[in-house]
Each structure stands twice: as structure tokens, then as C-alpha cells.
């Protein structure tokens, strides 16, 4: 998560480049978030940052428009309206975790 050329720069998610090519996916940003937060604290406090390795394979749910989506897992894929409903339910549940009005 720490830039190799600019040690005060950190990145996660779609803006990050990893040693091995990874798809641009929110899955990696969500998983990296807690480690990124700890690393920012560590650097501010003069401690060494933690290492982080993204998972090798993740479920990708991609909206294709018109209330349809694709689910990708490794070499497998499937699509349709039910995948969009699945993705929508997961996305809304994730966002709900940050709702300060609840």
C-alpha cells in the first residue's frame, strides 16, 4: 500500500497498483481498508507499516445495466437479473453499515 518511490504516499483499491496485476475491484479496497488505516497511524507514529497481500481470487459482481449483472469467480461466470438483485442486496448492506441516521 506504500508507494515504492514516495514513502509518504499510500493507496488502496482502484488507484493502487500491486506487484502482481490485480483487477480493479472494490473487494480489494474493502479488505485493504483496515490495514491501510493502521499503516497510516503507524507511519505517523514512526512505526513500520504492516505488509498486506491481496487475496488471489475474489467474487466480482459487475452491473451491466438494465438491472442485470455478471458474477465472476475465477474462470466461471453467470449473469442475469438475479445476479443484479444479489449485487444490489450486498451493496446496500455494505452502505447501510455507514448510515449514521440508523
Protein backbone atom coordinates (compact mmCIF):
# COMPACT_ATOMS: atom_id res chain seq x y z
CA UNK A 1 0.00 0.00 0.00
CA UNK A 2 3.01 2.27 0.35
CA UNK A 3 4.50 3.81 -2.77
CA UNK A 4 7.95 2.45 -3.56
CA UNK A 5 9.04 5.84 -4.96
CA UNK A 6 7.24 8.13 -2.48
CA UNK A 7 7.13 6.54 1.00
CA UNK A 8 4.63 9.12 2.32
CA UNK A 9 2.08 8.10 -0.34
CA UNK A 10 -0.30 5.21 0.34
CA UNK A 11 -3.04 3.78 -1.87
CA UNK A 12 -5.73 1.11 -1.85
CA UNK A 13 -8.49 -0.01 -4.17
CA UNK A 14 -8.79 1.14 -7.77
CA UNK A 15 -5.97 3.69 -7.55
CA UNK A 16 -3.43 1.17 -6.26
CA UNK A 17 -1.01 -0.82 -8.40
CA UNK A 18 0.20 -4.11 -6.97
CA UNK A 19 3.34 -6.13 -7.65
CA UNK A 20 1.16 -8.65 -9.49
CA UNK A 21 -1.65 -7.50 -11.77
CA UNK A 22 -5.00 -7.44 -9.98
CA UNK A 23 -8.38 -6.48 -11.39
CA UNK A 24 -9.75 -3.12 -10.29
CA UNK A 25 -12.36 -4.14 -7.76
CA UNK A 26 -13.90 -2.72 -4.63
CA UNK A 27 -13.35 -6.10 -2.99
CA UNK A 28 -9.65 -5.33 -2.63
CA UNK A 29 -10.28 -1.81 -1.32
CA UNK A 30 -12.67 -3.06 1.36
CA UNK A 31 -10.25 -5.76 2.51
CA UNK A 32 -7.30 -3.33 2.47
CA UNK A 33 -9.08 -0.55 4.39
CA UNK A 34 -8.30 -1.64 7.96
CA UNK A 35 -4.64 -2.35 7.13
CA UNK A 36 -4.35 0.98 5.30
CA UNK A 37 -5.75 2.82 8.34
CA UNK A 38 -3.30 1.04 10.65
CA UNK A 39 -0.39 1.79 8.30
CA UNK A 40 -1.23 5.50 8.22
CA UNK A 41 -1.25 5.53 12.04
CA UNK A 42 1.99 3.57 12.15
CA UNK A 43 3.84 5.93 9.82
CA UNK A 44 2.57 8.98 11.72
CA UNK A 45 3.84 7.41 14.94
CA UNK A 46 7.21 6.42 13.45
CA UNK A 47 6.43 2.69 13.36
CA UNK A 48 6.95 0.37 10.41
CA UNK A 49 3.84 -0.27 8.30
CA UNK A 50 2.31 -3.73 8.07
CA UNK A 51 2.58 -5.73 4.87
CA UNK A 52 -0.59 -6.68 3.04
CA UNK A 53 -1.14 -9.17 0.25
CA UNK A 54 -4.42 -9.08 -1.66
CA UNK A 55 -6.36 -12.31 -1.93
CA UNK A 56 -5.64 -14.25 -5.11
CA UNK A 57 -9.25 -14.71 -6.17
CA UNK A 58 -12.42 -12.80 -5.35
CA UNK A 59 -16.05 -12.81 -6.36
CA UNK A 60 -16.74 -9.96 -8.78
CA UNK A 61 -20.30 -8.74 -9.21
CA UNK A 62 -20.48 -6.30 -12.12
CA UNK A 63 -23.56 -4.35 -13.13
CA UNK A 64 -24.17 -4.43 -16.88
CA UNK A 65 -27.12 -2.02 -16.89
CA UNK A 66 -30.86 -2.63 -17.26
CA UNK A 67 -30.96 -4.34 -13.83
CA UNK A 68 -28.61 -7.13 -14.95
CA UNK A 69 -25.20 -8.10 -13.66
CA UNK A 70 -22.40 -10.62 -14.09
CA UNK A 71 -20.90 -12.77 -11.37
CA UNK A 72 -17.29 -13.81 -11.97
CA UNK A 73 -15.40 -16.33 -9.88
CA UNK A 74 -12.10 -17.48 -11.33
CA UNK A 75 -12.88 -18.83 -14.80
CA UNK A 76 -16.61 -19.18 -14.04
CA UNK A 77 -19.23 -16.59 -14.90
CA UNK A 78 -23.01 -16.27 -14.88
CA UNK A 79 -25.33 -13.35 -15.40
CA UNK A 80 -28.87 -12.12 -15.26
CA UNK A 81 -31.37 -10.16 -13.25
CA UNK A 82 -31.00 -12.38 -10.21
CA UNK A 83 -27.25 -11.55 -10.11
CA UNK A 84 -28.12 -7.85 -10.15
CA UNK A 85 -30.53 -8.41 -7.22
CA UNK A 86 -27.76 -10.25 -5.35
CA UNK A 87 -25.26 -7.46 -6.05
CA UNK A 88 -27.78 -4.78 -5.09
CA UNK A 89 -28.53 -6.50 -1.77
CA UNK A 90 -24.80 -6.82 -0.97
CA UNK A 91 -24.07 -3.20 -1.97
CA UNK A 92 -26.98 -1.78 0.04
CA UNK A 93 -25.99 -3.84 3.08
CA UNK A 94 -22.44 -2.54 2.84
CA UNK A 95 -23.56 1.09 2.59
CA UNK A 96 -26.06 0.61 5.43
CA UNK A 97 -23.13 -0.15 7.75
CA UNK A 98 -22.10 3.51 7.42
CA UNK A 99 -25.55 5.05 7.87
CA UNK A 100 -25.29 7.48 10.77
CA UNK A 101 -29.08 8.01 10.89
CA UNK A 102 -29.83 4.40 11.82
